[in-house]
Amino acid sequence: MADNIIPSFKASDLVIQLSSSLKRKPDEFDYGAVFTDHMLTIEWSETEGWQAPVIKPFENLSLHPACSALHYSVQLFEGMKAYRGDDNQLRLFRPTLNMSRMSNSAKRACLPAFDQSEFLECIRQLIEVEQEWVPRSDSVSLYIRPTFIGTEPSLAIMKPGHALLYVILCQVCPYFNTETQAVSLWADPKFTRAWKGGTGDCKMGGNYGGALFAQYEAEDYGCQQVLWLYGEDHQITEAGTMNIFLYWINEDGEEELATPPLDGIILPGITRQSVLELTRKWGEFEVKERYLTMAQLCSAIKQQRVKEMFGSGTACMICPIGHIVYQEENLHIPSQDKNSQLTSRISKELSDIQYGRTPSEWTYLV
């Protein structure tokens, strides 16, 4: 490596340029549409390495028309949240896992490596600057969107020699209103979210943009999300943008919480990992990462062995699933029956950790 190449940026070099005009914080807003006053940007080039990180007023990006992120999807992102506890302390939930996943996605996208702890400290300082944007509510939070794009000004398909790492923040309300009804899913094997050897285990924009057509077809069938299937045996993989869990009595008569394994087509969700670790700690039932097929689910529903089904993710946290439309049949999931309490229990325990009501090493103080 040449002497003038900077292998990683340092949070100690962070430059803060405060806005002279602050926005009014709205009382009502659409999900992901109201952004804070500042953003974090860090530029990289193959010739000079990483530049000093900058917190500056929120503004549009200026990109070359041949930018590799626009043409070849050389880009990725992360999703995190900042929570304001009853003690007024701001907390992040397991952000080191987000940094690790983002680093893995960057490697897959041929984008440069970065120091995860230095980047997390830069994010912490951005949130500190924008702390008044973190809602005083346990139903609204501040969403954090770290983004990494290739900015190579060339139409050649190549590893980018220029890149931009940046972070924007916005207030968000619950992604789904699950207080009144559980989410409905549409399952059709003609659409596939990811495949072996692909990038389904990375948080890349192409995984989401490519899912829009199926999402709108699901809405045409009266459903809110897609239940993504894979393979000839119609393996259950994910629900919309969520990891999926099935709480049931399995084929061996055991009470079990199951979720598909991380085999390359499943996104390694932070909430997913937390649910697994939390329920394993309880030791009350079997908790397994295993393959699940629609045939197994249909059989279990008919035999009344399904207790609950739910999705997990940063946007929704824990989201009960009420029914699935599959092969012209409406499959009822008893996720909100009176004897089904697991979904609400997990949701409460995670929420109590995120908002500081339950002390935990999973939280990171801002």
Protein backbone atom coordinates (compact mmCIF):
# COMPACT_ATOMS: atom_id res chain seq x y z
CA MET A 1 0.00 0.00 0.00
CA ALA A 2 1.37 3.43 -0.94
CA ASP A 3 2.31 5.81 1.88
CA ASN A 4 -0.39 8.31 0.90
CA ILE A 5 -3.26 5.77 1.02
CA ILE A 6 -5.45 6.08 4.13
CA PRO A 7 -6.61 2.55 5.12
CA SER A 8 -9.49 3.81 7.28
CA PHE A 9 -11.03 7.05 8.45
CA LYS A 10 -10.88 8.06 12.12
CA ALA A 11 -13.74 9.42 14.20
CA SER A 12 -11.22 11.74 15.85
CA ASP A 13 -10.86 13.51 12.47
CA LEU A 14 -14.60 14.13 12.21
CA VAL A 15 -15.51 17.60 10.96
CA ILE A 16 -18.87 19.00 12.13
CA GLN A 17 -20.56 21.71 10.06
CA LEU A 18 -23.84 22.68 11.70
CA SER A 19 -26.80 23.93 9.72
CA SER A 20 -27.75 27.59 10.18
CA SER A 21 -31.43 26.81 9.54
CA LEU A 22 -33.16 23.96 11.37
CA LYS A 23 -36.36 22.27 10.20
CA ARG A 24 -39.61 22.20 12.12
CA LYS A 25 -40.27 18.72 13.43
CA PRO A 26 -43.69 17.55 12.16
CA ASP A 27 -46.32 15.99 14.39
CA GLU A 28 -47.41 13.57 11.65
CA PHE A 29 -45.36 12.04 8.84
CA ASP A 30 -45.19 9.20 6.35
CA TYR A 31 -42.76 6.38 7.00
CA GLY A 32 -39.22 7.30 5.93
CA ALA A 33 -40.14 10.66 4.38
CA VAL A 34 -39.04 13.26 6.98
CA PHE A 35 -35.28 13.59 7.39
CA THR A 36 -33.22 15.36 10.03
CA ASP A 37 -31.10 18.48 9.59
CA HIS A 38 -27.72 16.80 9.14
CA MET A 39 -26.02 13.85 7.45
CA LEU A 40 -22.67 12.09 7.68
CA THR A 41 -20.51 11.63 4.57
CA ILE A 42 -17.14 9.91 4.10
CA GLU A 43 -15.50 9.78 0.68
CA TRP A 44 -13.04 7.15 -0.54
CA SER A 45 -10.84 6.83 -3.61
CA GLU A 46 -8.40 4.16 -4.70
CA THR A 47 -5.62 6.73 -5.05
CA GLU A 48 -6.09 8.59 -1.75
CA GLY A 49 -7.97 6.19 0.50
CA TRP A 50 -10.49 7.44 3.06
CA GLN A 51 -11.06 11.15 3.58
CA ALA A 52 -12.03 12.74 6.89
CA PRO A 53 -15.66 12.10 7.92
CA VAL A 54 -17.95 15.11 7.78
CA ILE A 55 -21.25 15.87 9.51
CA LYS A 56 -22.91 18.57 7.45
CA PRO A 57 -26.36 19.98 6.64
CA PHE A 58 -28.63 17.48 4.88
CA GLU A 59 -28.40 17.97 1.12
CA ASN A 60 -28.79 16.22 -2.21
CA LEU A 61 -25.91 14.16 -3.55
CA SER A 62 -24.08 15.16 -6.72
CA LEU A 63 -23.31 12.06 -8.79
CA HIS A 64 -21.79 11.51 -12.23
CA PRO A 65 -24.40 10.19 -14.71
CA ALA A 66 -22.26 7.05 -15.22
CA CYS A 67 -21.99 6.40 -11.47
CA SER A 68 -21.58 2.64 -10.89
CA ALA A 69 -24.23 2.59 -8.14
CA LEU A 70 -26.83 3.82 -10.64
CA HIS A 71 -25.94 1.47 -13.48
CA TYR A 72 -24.70 -1.73 -11.84
CA SER A 73 -26.20 -1.60 -8.33
CA VAL A 74 -22.81 -1.32 -6.64
CA GLN A 75 -24.45 -0.23 -3.42
CA LEU A 76 -25.74 -1.45 -0.09
CA PHE A 77 -27.27 -0.15 3.10
CA GLU A 78 -28.10 -0.91 6.72
CA GLY A 79 -31.10 -0.22 8.94
CA MET A 80 -30.83 0.72 12.61
CA LYS A 81 -32.86 2.70 15.14
CA ALA A 82 -32.16 5.07 18.03
CA TYR A 83 -34.55 4.85 20.99
CA ARG A 84 -35.20 7.39 23.74
CA GLY A 85 -35.82 5.62 27.03
CA ASP A 86 -37.99 6.64 29.95
CA ASP A 87 -34.76 7.90 31.53
CA ASN A 88 -34.22 10.21 28.49
CA GLN A 89 -31.12 8.21 27.54
CA LEU A 90 -30.61 7.47 23.85
CA ARG A 91 -29.80 3.87 22.94
CA LEU A 92 -28.93 1.83 19.87
CA PHE A 93 -29.81 -1.86 19.69
CA ARG A 94 -26.87 -4.18 18.93
CA PRO A 95 -25.28 -1.80 16.39
CA THR A 96 -22.04 -3.79 16.19
CA LEU A 97 -24.03 -6.53 14.43
CA ASN A 98 -25.17 -3.98 11.84
CA MET A 99 -21.57 -2.87 11.32
CA SER A 100 -20.45 -6.49 10.83
CA ARG A 101 -23.25 -7.22 8.36
CA MET A 102 -22.52 -4.01 6.45
CA SER A 103 -18.84 -4.95 6.23
CA ASN A 104 -19.79 -8.36 4.80
CA SER A 105 -22.12 -6.73 2.26
CA ALA A 106 -19.36 -4.29 1.25
CA LYS A 107 -16.95 -7.13 0.63
CA ARG A 108 -19.52 -8.86 -1.61
CA ALA A 109 -20.07 -5.60 -3.53
CA CYS A 110 -16.31 -5.04 -4.04
CA LEU A 111 -16.48 -1.83 -2.01
CA PRO A 112 -13.57 -0.85 0.28
CA ALA A 113 -13.20 -2.05 3.86
CA PHE A 114 -13.74 0.35 6.74
CA ASP A 115 -13.10 0.27 10.48
CA GLN A 116 -16.42 -0.74 12.02
CA SER A 117 -15.80 0.82 15.43
CA GLU A 118 -14.70 4.13 13.92
CA PHE A 119 -17.79 4.23 11.72
CA LEU A 120 -20.05 3.46 14.67
CA GLU A 121 -18.49 6.30 16.65
CA CYS A 122 -19.14 8.68 13.73
CA ILE A 123 -22.78 7.53 13.68
CA ARG A 124 -23.01 8.06 17.45
CA GLN A 125 -21.80 11.63 17.06
CA LEU A 126 -24.31 12.26 14.26
CA ILE A 127 -27.13 11.08 16.53
CA GLU A 128 -25.76 13.26 19.31
CA VAL A 129 -25.99 16.27 16.99
CA GLU A 130 -29.56 15.28 16.03
CA GLN A 131 -30.67 14.10 19.49
CA GLU A 132 -33.74 16.35 19.54
CA TRP A 133 -35.05 14.36 16.58
CA VAL A 134 -35.21 11.17 18.65
CA PRO A 135 -38.90 11.01 19.65
CA ARG A 136 -40.04 10.93 23.26
CA SER A 137 -42.27 7.99 22.54
CA ASP A 138 -42.14 4.20 22.61
CA SER A 139 -44.14 3.96 19.39
CA VAL A 140 -41.93 6.23 17.25
CA SER A 141 -38.15 6.11 16.82
CA LEU A 142 -35.29 7.59 14.82
CA TYR A 143 -34.33 5.41 11.87
CA ILE A 144 -30.65 5.33 10.89
CA ARG A 145 -29.75 4.51 7.29
CA PRO A 146 -26.02 3.92 6.68
CA THR A 147 -25.49 3.68 2.92
CA PHE A 148 -22.46 2.71 0.83
CA ILE A 149 -22.32 3.37 -2.91
CA GLY A 150 -19.81 3.00 -5.69
CA THR A 151 -19.31 6.38 -7.40
CA GLU A 152 -16.97 5.29 -10.19
CA PRO A 153 -17.66 7.65 -13.14
CA SER A 154 -17.46 4.94 -15.81
CA LEU A 155 -19.72 2.53 -17.67
CA ALA A 156 -17.05 -0.18 -17.46
CA ILE A 157 -18.12 -3.09 -15.26
CA MET A 158 -15.33 -2.98 -12.71
CA LYS A 159 -14.44 -2.73 -9.07
CA PRO A 160 -15.09 0.94 -8.24
CA GLY A 161 -12.16 3.25 -7.63
CA HIS A 162 -14.40 5.82 -5.95
CA ALA A 163 -17.02 5.33 -3.27
CA LEU A 164 -19.17 7.23 -0.80
CA LEU A 165 -20.20 6.07 2.66
CA TYR A 166 -22.97 8.18 4.17
CA VAL A 167 -25.65 8.15 6.85
CA ILE A 168 -29.07 9.83 6.88
CA LEU A 169 -31.66 9.84 9.66
CA CYS A 170 -35.44 10.05 9.70
CA GLN A 171 -38.29 9.69 12.15
CA VAL A 172 -40.39 6.56 11.67
CA CYS A 173 -43.69 5.27 12.97
CA PRO A 174 -44.57 1.53 13.10
CA TYR A 175 -44.23 -0.04 9.62
CA PHE A 176 -47.42 -2.07 10.06
CA ASN A 177 -50.43 -1.40 12.25
CA THR A 178 -50.54 -4.79 13.93
CA GLU A 179 -52.63 -3.64 16.90
CA THR A 180 -55.85 -4.19 14.98
CA GLN A 181 -54.94 -7.12 12.72
CA ALA A 182 -52.07 -9.40 11.81
CA VAL A 183 -50.27 -9.13 8.47
CA SER A 184 -51.46 -11.15 5.47
CA LEU A 185 -49.04 -12.90 3.08
CA TRP A 186 -49.29 -14.06 -0.53
CA ALA A 187 -47.20 -17.09 -1.46
CA ASP A 188 -46.54 -17.89 -5.11
CA PRO A 189 -43.48 -19.93 -6.17
CA LYS A 190 -43.25 -18.14 -9.52
CA PHE A 191 -41.30 -15.37 -7.75
CA THR A 192 -37.97 -15.91 -5.99
CA ARG A 193 -36.32 -13.34 -3.72
CA ALA A 194 -32.86 -14.93 -3.64
CA TRP A 195 -30.98 -18.03 -4.70
CA LYS A 196 -27.92 -20.06 -3.70
CA GLY A 197 -24.72 -18.29 -4.64
CA GLY A 198 -26.49 -14.93 -4.92
CA THR A 199 -26.64 -11.93 -2.61
CA GLY A 200 -29.73 -12.78 -0.56
CA ASP A 201 -27.67 -12.72 2.63
CA CYS A 202 -26.45 -9.16 1.93
CA LYS A 203 -28.40 -5.96 2.46
CA MET A 204 -28.23 -4.67 -1.10
CA GLY A 205 -30.77 -2.43 -2.78
CA GLY A 206 -31.23 -4.81 -5.71
CA ASN A 207 -32.78 -7.38 -3.37
CA TYR A 208 -35.51 -4.88 -2.53
CA GLY A 209 -36.09 -3.14 -5.84
CA GLY A 210 -36.38 -6.52 -7.55
CA ALA A 211 -39.14 -7.50 -5.12
CA LEU A 212 -41.48 -4.60 -5.87
CA PHE A 213 -43.36 -6.26 -8.73
CA ALA A 214 -44.27 -9.28 -6.59
CA GLN A 215 -45.20 -6.97 -3.71
CA TYR A 216 -47.79 -5.17 -5.82
CA GLU A 217 -49.14 -8.45 -7.14
CA ALA A 218 -49.59 -9.54 -3.52
CA GLU A 219 -51.68 -6.41 -2.96
CA ASP A 220 -53.80 -7.32 -5.98
CA TYR A 221 -54.62 -10.56 -4.12
CA GLY A 222 -55.59 -8.61 -1.00
CA CYS A 223 -52.37 -9.29 0.91
CA GLN A 224 -49.90 -6.90 2.48
CA GLN A 225 -46.67 -8.78 1.88
CA VAL A 226 -45.08 -11.63 -0.10
CA LEU A 227 -44.17 -14.92 1.51
CA TRP A 228 -41.03 -15.78 -0.44
CA LEU A 229 -40.67 -19.43 -1.45
CA TYR A 230 -37.65 -21.26 -2.84
CA GLY A 231 -37.10 -24.49 -4.72
CA GLU A 232 -39.33 -27.26 -6.01
CA ASP A 233 -40.47 -28.11 -2.49
CA HIS A 234 -41.58 -24.48 -1.86
CA GLN A 235 -39.32 -23.77 1.08
CA ILE A 236 -40.41 -20.86 3.24
CA THR A 237 -37.64 -18.22 3.32
CA GLU A 238 -38.73 -14.68 4.21
CA ALA A 239 -41.89 -12.60 4.54
CA GLY A 240 -41.65 -9.34 2.63
CA THR A 241 -38.49 -7.78 4.05
CA MET A 242 -38.74 -9.78 7.29
CA ASN A 243 -37.23 -12.97 8.62
CA ILE A 244 -39.96 -15.45 9.50
CA PHE A 245 -40.67 -17.64 12.54
CA LEU A 246 -43.09 -20.52 13.06
CA TYR A 247 -44.18 -21.49 16.59
CA TRP A 248 -45.78 -24.93 16.37
CA ILE A 249 -45.92 -28.52 17.44
CA ASN A 250 -43.49 -30.15 15.04
CA GLU A 251 -43.71 -33.56 13.33
CA ASP A 252 -42.22 -35.25 16.41
CA GLY A 253 -44.81 -33.74 18.74
CA GLU A 254 -42.36 -31.20 20.20
CA GLU A 255 -43.21 -27.59 20.95
CA GLU A 256 -40.82 -25.67 18.71
CA LEU A 257 -39.95 -22.20 17.48
CA ALA A 258 -38.42 -22.59 14.02
CA THR A 259 -36.89 -20.24 11.46
CA PRO A 260 -35.10 -21.01 8.17
CA PRO A 261 -31.30 -21.44 8.46
CA LEU A 262 -28.74 -18.97 7.17
CA ASP A 263 -27.79 -20.87 4.02
CA GLY A 264 -26.96 -17.92 1.77
CA ILE A 265 -30.48 -16.91 0.71
CA ILE A 266 -31.64 -15.60 4.11
CA LEU A 267 -30.67 -12.15 5.43
CA PRO A 268 -28.98 -12.56 8.84
CA GLY A 269 -31.33 -10.21 10.68
CA ILE A 270 -30.31 -8.61 13.96
CA THR A 271 -33.83 -9.01 15.34
CA ARG A 272 -33.81 -12.63 14.09
CA GLN A 273 -30.62 -13.36 16.00
CA SER A 274 -32.00 -11.63 19.09
CA VAL A 275 -35.22 -13.69 19.02
CA LEU A 276 -33.21 -16.90 18.76
CA GLU A 277 -30.89 -15.97 21.61
CA LEU A 278 -33.70 -14.70 23.83
CA THR A 279 -35.96 -17.74 23.44
CA ARG A 280 -33.06 -20.19 23.79
CA LYS A 281 -32.21 -18.49 27.07
CA TRP A 282 -35.76 -19.14 28.30
CA GLY A 283 -35.32 -22.87 27.76
CA GLU A 284 -39.08 -23.44 27.58
CA PHE A 285 -39.34 -25.10 24.14
CA GLU A 286 -37.18 -26.22 21.25
CA VAL A 287 -35.64 -23.39 19.21
CA LYS A 288 -34.28 -24.50 15.85
CA GLU A 289 -32.95 -23.16 12.59
CA ARG A 290 -34.39 -25.61 10.08
CA TYR A 291 -35.95 -25.81 6.64
CA LEU A 292 -39.73 -25.38 6.49
CA THR A 293 -41.90 -26.09 3.44
CA MET A 294 -45.40 -25.05 2.53
CA ALA A 295 -46.45 -28.72 2.57
CA GLN A 296 -45.32 -28.97 6.20
CA LEU A 297 -47.09 -25.74 7.10
CA CYS A 298 -50.35 -26.71 5.37
CA SER A 299 -50.33 -30.09 7.10
CA ALA A 300 -49.66 -28.51 10.48
CA ILE A 301 -52.48 -25.99 10.01
CA LYS A 302 -54.96 -28.74 9.10
CA GLN A 303 -53.86 -30.74 12.16
CA GLN A 304 -54.10 -27.63 14.35
CA ARG A 305 -50.43 -27.82 15.30
CA VAL A 306 -49.62 -24.19 14.43
CA LYS A 307 -49.63 -21.84 17.41
CA GLU A 308 -48.26 -18.60 15.94
CA MET A 309 -46.30 -17.24 13.03
CA PHE A 310 -44.51 -13.89 12.93
CA GLY A 311 -41.97 -11.83 11.04
CA SER A 312 -39.02 -9.98 12.52
CA GLY A 313 -36.96 -7.02 11.39
CA THR A 314 -35.73 -3.55 12.30
CA ALA A 315 -38.64 -1.75 10.62
CA CYS A 316 -41.42 -3.87 12.11
CA MET A 317 -39.54 -5.50 15.05
CA ILE A 318 -42.05 -8.34 15.69
CA CYS A 319 -45.02 -8.62 13.34
CA PRO A 320 -47.76 -11.27 13.76
CA ILE A 321 -48.93 -13.10 10.64
CA GLY A 322 -52.66 -13.73 10.36
CA HIS A 323 -53.20 -15.59 7.10
CA ILE A 324 -51.45 -16.79 3.96
CA VAL A 325 -52.92 -17.05 0.45
CA TYR A 326 -51.34 -20.09 -1.21
CA GLN A 327 -52.54 -22.01 -4.27
CA GLU A 328 -55.96 -20.30 -4.11
CA GLU A 329 -56.40 -21.34 -0.47
CA ASN A 330 -56.61 -18.98 2.51
CA LEU A 331 -54.56 -20.44 5.36
CA HIS A 332 -55.49 -19.08 8.78
CA ILE A 333 -52.66 -18.59 11.29
CA PRO A 334 -53.91 -18.29 14.90
CA SER A 335 -51.47 -15.48 15.69
CA GLN A 336 -53.96 -13.37 17.60
CA ASP A 337 -56.01 -16.04 19.34
CA LYS A 338 -56.26 -15.67 23.10
CA ASN A 339 -54.03 -18.68 23.75
CA SER A 340 -51.23 -17.34 21.53
CA GLN A 341 -48.96 -15.13 23.61
CA LEU A 342 -45.45 -15.73 22.30
CA THR A 343 -45.42 -12.91 19.72
CA SER A 344 -46.47 -10.27 22.24
CA ARG A 345 -44.08 -11.63 24.88
CA ILE A 346 -41.06 -11.47 22.56
CA SER A 347 -42.09 -8.01 21.36
CA LYS A 348 -42.37 -6.69 24.91
CA GLU A 349 -39.06 -8.15 26.08
CA LEU A 350 -37.18 -6.72 23.09
CA SER A 351 -38.90 -3.35 23.44
CA ASP A 352 -38.05 -3.21 27.14
CA ILE A 353 -34.38 -3.73 26.25
CA GLN A 354 -34.41 -1.17 23.43
CA TYR A 355 -35.98 1.53 25.60
CA GLY A 356 -33.83 0.76 28.63
CA ARG A 357 -36.56 -0.62 30.87
CA THR A 358 -34.57 -3.86 31.07
CA PRO A 359 -30.78 -3.46 31.42
CA SER A 360 -28.93 -5.38 28.72
CA GLU A 361 -25.51 -5.63 27.10
CA TRP A 362 -27.38 -5.48 23.78
CA THR A 363 -27.86 -1.71 24.07
CA TYR A 364 -25.28 0.89 23.09
CA LEU A 365 -25.53 4.28 24.78
CA VAL A 366 -25.35 7.39 22.59
